[in-house]
Amino acid sequence: MLEVYSIEFIFACIFVPCAIWIARVDLESYLIPSLATFLLVFSGSGFQLLDNPTKFFEAVKTAAIMLALLWLSTELAWRKTGKEYLGLGDVYLTSALTLWVGPLGLPSAMLFSSSSALIYAIYKMRTGVRPTNLRIPFGPFLCFGFFV
């Protein structure tokens, strides 16, 4: 349980409103607010510095690698097919959220994010949405997966 004045609680008070803001906007418009992503970058960096300063540079390095890999895969997919499979907002958000969990928390966070998005996609297809017309706002699922 989080103590009221613990570092985790204080930073959770930043993370949760940003995650709700991102989820709400992304569900409505398929866009992720840049300001919310910047807030997550700065608060995630602060959290890592205060909670475990020795792991800070590992978290930054992992976030940079994730940014580069996701951007490259998104760019290559767009050039090959002309379709956007993962928006740049999702790429930046994933990198920002990686600062929060670091390299060790990244695999499970991505697993929860992807699994919840897959469940959503299956639900949408069962309600009559054709797979070719299915658009999934991935931001809410990223926030959920990294929060869990």
C-alpha atoms as a PDB file:
ATOM      1  CA  MET A   1       0.000   0.000   0.000  1.00  0.00           C
ATOM      2  CA  LEU A   2       1.223   3.489  -0.817  1.00  0.00           C
ATOM      3  CA  GLU A   3       1.958   5.793   2.056  1.00  0.00           C
ATOM      4  CA  VAL A   4       0.574   9.288   1.628  1.00  0.00           C
ATOM      5  CA  TYR A   5       3.943  11.027   1.427  1.00  0.00           C
ATOM      6  CA  SER A   6       5.962   8.294  -0.247  1.00  0.00           C
ATOM      7  CA  ILE A   7       7.783   8.964  -3.502  1.00  0.00           C
ATOM      8  CA  GLU A   8       5.588   6.416  -5.258  1.00  0.00           C
ATOM      9  CA  PHE A   9       2.393   8.114  -4.107  1.00  0.00           C
ATOM     10  CA  ILE A  10       3.558  11.589  -5.084  1.00  0.00           C
ATOM     11  CA  PHE A  11       4.571  10.473  -8.570  1.00  0.00           C
ATOM     12  CA  ALA A  12       1.401   8.375  -8.932  1.00  0.00           C
ATOM     13  CA  CYS A  13      -0.491  11.642  -8.436  1.00  0.00           C
ATOM     14  CA  ILE A  14       1.195  12.840 -11.633  1.00  0.00           C
ATOM     15  CA  PHE A  15       1.041   9.572 -13.588  1.00  0.00           C
ATOM     16  CA  VAL A  16      -2.642   8.738 -13.078  1.00  0.00           C
ATOM     17  CA  PRO A  17      -4.134  12.077 -14.247  1.00  0.00           C
ATOM     18  CA  CYS A  18      -1.816  12.079 -17.276  1.00  0.00           C
ATOM     19  CA  ALA A  19      -2.830   8.504 -18.108  1.00  0.00           C
ATOM     20  CA  ILE A  20      -6.522   9.354 -17.821  1.00  0.00           C
ATOM     21  CA  TRP A  21      -6.029  12.453 -19.987  1.00  0.00           C
ATOM     22  CA  ILE A  22      -4.179  10.440 -22.635  1.00  0.00           C
ATOM     23  CA  ALA A  23      -6.775   7.659 -22.610  1.00  0.00           C
ATOM     24  CA  ARG A  24      -9.690  10.050 -22.926  1.00  0.00           C
ATOM     25  CA  VAL A  25      -8.196  12.099 -25.765  1.00  0.00           C
ATOM     26  CA  ASP A  26      -6.845   9.083 -27.660  1.00  0.00           C
ATOM     27  CA  LEU A  27     -10.177   7.245 -27.477  1.00  0.00           C
ATOM     28  CA  GLU A  28     -11.982  10.282 -28.901  1.00  0.00           C
ATOM     29  CA  SER A  29      -9.514  11.549 -31.492  1.00  0.00           C
ATOM     30  CA  TYR A  30      -6.768   8.933 -31.994  1.00  0.00           C
ATOM     31  CA  LEU A  31      -4.249  11.556 -30.876  1.00  0.00           C
ATOM     32  CA  ILE A  32      -2.019  11.618 -27.808  1.00  0.00           C
ATOM     33  CA  PRO A  33      -1.525  15.030 -26.181  1.00  0.00           C
ATOM     34  CA  SER A  34       2.137  16.009 -26.409  1.00  0.00           C
ATOM     35  CA  LEU A  35       1.982  17.903 -23.134  1.00  0.00           C
ATOM     36  CA  ALA A  36       0.857  14.766 -21.300  1.00  0.00           C
ATOM     37  CA  THR A  37       3.738  12.818 -22.853  1.00  0.00           C
ATOM     38  CA  PHE A  38       6.218  15.520 -21.801  1.00  0.00           C
ATOM     39  CA  LEU A  39       4.821  15.452 -18.262  1.00  0.00           C
ATOM     40  CA  LEU A  40       5.341  11.680 -18.195  1.00  0.00           C
ATOM     41  CA  VAL A  41       8.919  12.076 -19.478  1.00  0.00           C
ATOM     42  CA  PHE A  42       9.846  14.578 -16.794  1.00  0.00           C
ATOM     43  CA  SER A  43       7.980  12.866 -13.967  1.00  0.00           C
ATOM     44  CA  GLY A  44       9.303   9.430 -14.970  1.00  0.00           C
ATOM     45  CA  SER A  45      12.838  10.811 -15.015  1.00  0.00           C
ATOM     46  CA  GLY A  46      12.291  12.413 -11.624  1.00  0.00           C
ATOM     47  CA  PHE A  47      10.838   9.226 -10.233  1.00  0.00           C
ATOM     48  CA  GLN A  48      13.837   7.200 -11.397  1.00  0.00           C
ATOM     49  CA  LEU A  49      16.305   9.771 -10.050  1.00  0.00           C
ATOM     50  CA  LEU A  50      14.681   9.905  -6.624  1.00  0.00           C
ATOM     51  CA  ASP A  51      13.676   6.273  -6.276  1.00  0.00           C
ATOM     52  CA  ASN A  52      16.779   4.568  -7.627  1.00  0.00           C
ATOM     53  CA  PRO A  53      19.463   6.934  -8.982  1.00  0.00           C
ATOM     54  CA  THR A  54      21.759   4.076 -10.018  1.00  0.00           C
ATOM     55  CA  LYS A  55      19.113   2.746 -12.434  1.00  0.00           C
ATOM     56  CA  PHE A  56      18.336   6.166 -13.958  1.00  0.00           C
ATOM     57  CA  PHE A  57      20.776   5.908 -16.862  1.00  0.00           C
ATOM     58  CA  GLU A  58      19.627   2.367 -17.641  1.00  0.00           C
ATOM     59  CA  ALA A  59      16.042   3.615 -17.846  1.00  0.00           C
ATOM     60  CA  VAL A  60      17.052   6.518 -20.114  1.00  0.00           C
ATOM     61  CA  LYS A  61      19.089   4.225 -22.345  1.00  0.00           C
ATOM     62  CA  THR A  62      16.211   1.731 -22.598  1.00  0.00           C
ATOM     63  CA  ALA A  63      13.745   4.526 -23.398  1.00  0.00           C
ATOM     64  CA  ALA A  64      16.034   5.824 -26.157  1.00  0.00           C
ATOM     65  CA  ILE A  65      16.437   2.345 -27.641  1.00  0.00           C
ATOM     66  CA  MET A  66      12.656   1.808 -27.561  1.00  0.00           C
ATOM     67  CA  LEU A  67      12.119   5.162 -29.247  1.00  0.00           C
ATOM     68  CA  ALA A  68      14.598   4.308 -32.011  1.00  0.00           C
ATOM     69  CA  LEU A  69      13.298   0.766 -32.585  1.00  0.00           C
ATOM     70  CA  LEU A  70       9.621   1.698 -32.598  1.00  0.00           C
ATOM     71  CA  TRP A  71      10.194   4.729 -34.802  1.00  0.00           C
ATOM     72  CA  LEU A  72      12.249   2.669 -37.261  1.00  0.00           C
ATOM     73  CA  SER A  73       9.680  -0.144 -37.437  1.00  0.00           C
ATOM     74  CA  THR A  74       6.844   2.368 -37.851  1.00  0.00           C
ATOM     75  CA  GLU A  75       8.705   4.210 -40.604  1.00  0.00           C
ATOM     76  CA  LEU A  76       9.586   1.007 -42.474  1.00  0.00           C
ATOM     77  CA  ALA A  77       6.012  -0.291 -42.254  1.00  0.00           C
ATOM     78  CA  TRP A  78       4.648   3.015 -43.549  1.00  0.00           C
ATOM     79  CA  ARG A  79       7.108   3.105 -46.464  1.00  0.00           C
ATOM     80  CA  LYS A  80       6.329  -0.491 -47.409  1.00  0.00           C
ATOM     81  CA  THR A  81       2.517  -0.374 -47.137  1.00  0.00           C
ATOM     82  CA  GLY A  82       1.546   3.286 -47.028  1.00  0.00           C
ATOM     83  CA  LYS A  83      -0.459   2.570 -43.848  1.00  0.00           C
ATOM     84  CA  GLU A  84       0.186   3.769 -40.332  1.00  0.00           C
ATOM     85  CA  TYR A  85       0.199   0.847 -37.924  1.00  0.00           C
ATOM     86  CA  LEU A  86       1.566   2.659 -34.885  1.00  0.00           C
ATOM     87  CA  GLY A  87       1.325   6.418 -34.578  1.00  0.00           C
ATOM     88  CA  LEU A  88       4.252   8.559 -33.512  1.00  0.00           C
ATOM     89  CA  GLY A  89       2.324   9.573 -30.415  1.00  0.00           C
ATOM     90  CA  ASP A  90       2.293   5.916 -29.380  1.00  0.00           C
ATOM     91  CA  VAL A  91       6.028   5.677 -30.073  1.00  0.00           C
ATOM     92  CA  TYR A  92       6.788   8.722 -27.919  1.00  0.00           C
ATOM     93  CA  LEU A  93       4.387   7.568 -25.203  1.00  0.00           C
ATOM     94  CA  THR A  94       6.012   4.128 -25.040  1.00  0.00           C
ATOM     95  CA  SER A  95       9.408   5.743 -24.665  1.00  0.00           C
ATOM     96  CA  ALA A  96       8.123   8.085 -21.952  1.00  0.00           C
ATOM     97  CA  LEU A  97       6.485   5.251 -20.054  1.00  0.00           C
ATOM     98  CA  THR A  98       9.679   3.196 -20.310  1.00  0.00           C
ATOM     99  CA  LEU A  99      11.311   5.824 -18.102  1.00  0.00           C
ATOM    100  CA  TRP A 100       8.823   4.872 -15.394  1.00  0.00           C
ATOM    101  CA  VAL A 101       9.397   1.107 -15.408  1.00  0.00           C
ATOM    102  CA  GLY A 102      12.990   0.816 -16.636  1.00  0.00           C
ATOM    103  CA  PRO A 103      14.410  -2.115 -18.573  1.00  0.00           C
ATOM    104  CA  LEU A 104      13.208  -4.816 -16.179  1.00  0.00           C
ATOM    105  CA  GLY A 105       9.580  -3.696 -16.151  1.00  0.00           C
ATOM    106  CA  LEU A 106       9.356  -3.115 -19.900  1.00  0.00           C
ATOM    107  CA  PRO A 107       8.570  -6.683 -21.081  1.00  0.00           C
ATOM    108  CA  SER A 108       5.668  -7.196 -18.678  1.00  0.00           C
ATOM    109  CA  ALA A 109       4.316  -3.691 -19.331  1.00  0.00           C
ATOM    110  CA  MET A 110       4.335  -4.289 -23.088  1.00  0.00           C
ATOM    111  CA  LEU A 111       2.728  -7.703 -22.578  1.00  0.00           C
ATOM    112  CA  PHE A 112      -0.137  -6.195 -20.550  1.00  0.00           C
ATOM    113  CA  SER A 113      -0.538  -3.341 -23.063  1.00  0.00           C
ATOM    114  CA  SER A 114      -0.606  -5.587 -26.110  1.00  0.00           C
ATOM    115  CA  SER A 115      -2.827  -8.214 -24.490  1.00  0.00           C
ATOM    116  CA  SER A 116      -5.426  -5.679 -23.419  1.00  0.00           C
ATOM    117  CA  ALA A 117      -5.422  -4.114 -26.912  1.00  0.00           C
ATOM    118  CA  LEU A 118      -5.853  -7.573 -28.432  1.00  0.00           C
ATOM    119  CA  ILE A 119      -8.836  -8.278 -26.176  1.00  0.00           C
ATOM    120  CA  TYR A 120     -10.334  -4.934 -27.259  1.00  0.00           C
ATOM    121  CA  ALA A 121      -9.777  -5.791 -30.939  1.00  0.00           C
ATOM    122  CA  ILE A 122     -11.452  -9.192 -30.549  1.00  0.00           C
ATOM    123  CA  TYR A 123     -14.400  -7.550 -28.798  1.00  0.00           C
ATOM    124  CA  LYS A 124     -14.754  -4.962 -31.581  1.00  0.00           C
ATOM    125  CA  MET A 125     -14.640  -7.655 -34.282  1.00  0.00           C
ATOM    126  CA  ARG A 126     -17.280  -9.710 -32.449  1.00  0.00           C
ATOM    127  CA  THR A 127     -19.554  -6.658 -32.402  1.00  0.00           C
ATOM    128  CA  GLY A 128     -19.418  -6.397 -36.176  1.00  0.00           C
ATOM    129  CA  VAL A 129     -16.421  -4.211 -36.988  1.00  0.00           C
ATOM    130  CA  ARG A 130     -14.517  -5.613 -39.947  1.00  0.00           C
ATOM    131  CA  PRO A 131     -10.804  -6.209 -39.304  1.00  0.00           C
ATOM    132  CA  THR A 132      -9.875  -3.983 -42.269  1.00  0.00           C
ATOM    133  CA  ASN A 133     -11.839  -1.075 -40.737  1.00  0.00           C
ATOM    134  CA  LEU A 134     -10.617  -1.587 -37.173  1.00  0.00           C
ATOM    135  CA  ARG A 135      -8.637   1.298 -35.664  1.00  0.00           C
ATOM    136  CA  ILE A 136      -7.285   0.841 -32.172  1.00  0.00           C
ATOM    137  CA  PRO A 137      -6.230   3.811 -30.052  1.00  0.00           C
ATOM    138  CA  PHE A 138      -3.193   2.213 -28.409  1.00  0.00           C
ATOM    139  CA  GLY A 139      -2.496   5.007 -25.885  1.00  0.00           C
ATOM    140  CA  PRO A 140      -5.079   3.872 -23.310  1.00  0.00           C
ATOM    141  CA  PHE A 141      -3.742   0.334 -23.441  1.00  0.00           C
ATOM    142  CA  LEU A 142      -0.155   1.547 -23.062  1.00  0.00           C
ATOM    143  CA  CYS A 143      -1.126   3.558 -19.983  1.00  0.00           C
ATOM    144  CA  PHE A 144      -2.994   0.577 -18.535  1.00  0.00           C
ATOM    145  CA  GLY A 145      -0.162  -1.857 -19.200  1.00  0.00           C
ATOM    146  CA  PHE A 146       2.511   0.378 -17.729  1.00  0.00           C
ATOM    147  CA  PHE A 147       0.341   1.196 -14.714  1.00  0.00           C
ATOM    148  CA  VAL A 148      -0.257  -2.464 -13.925  1.00  0.00           C
END
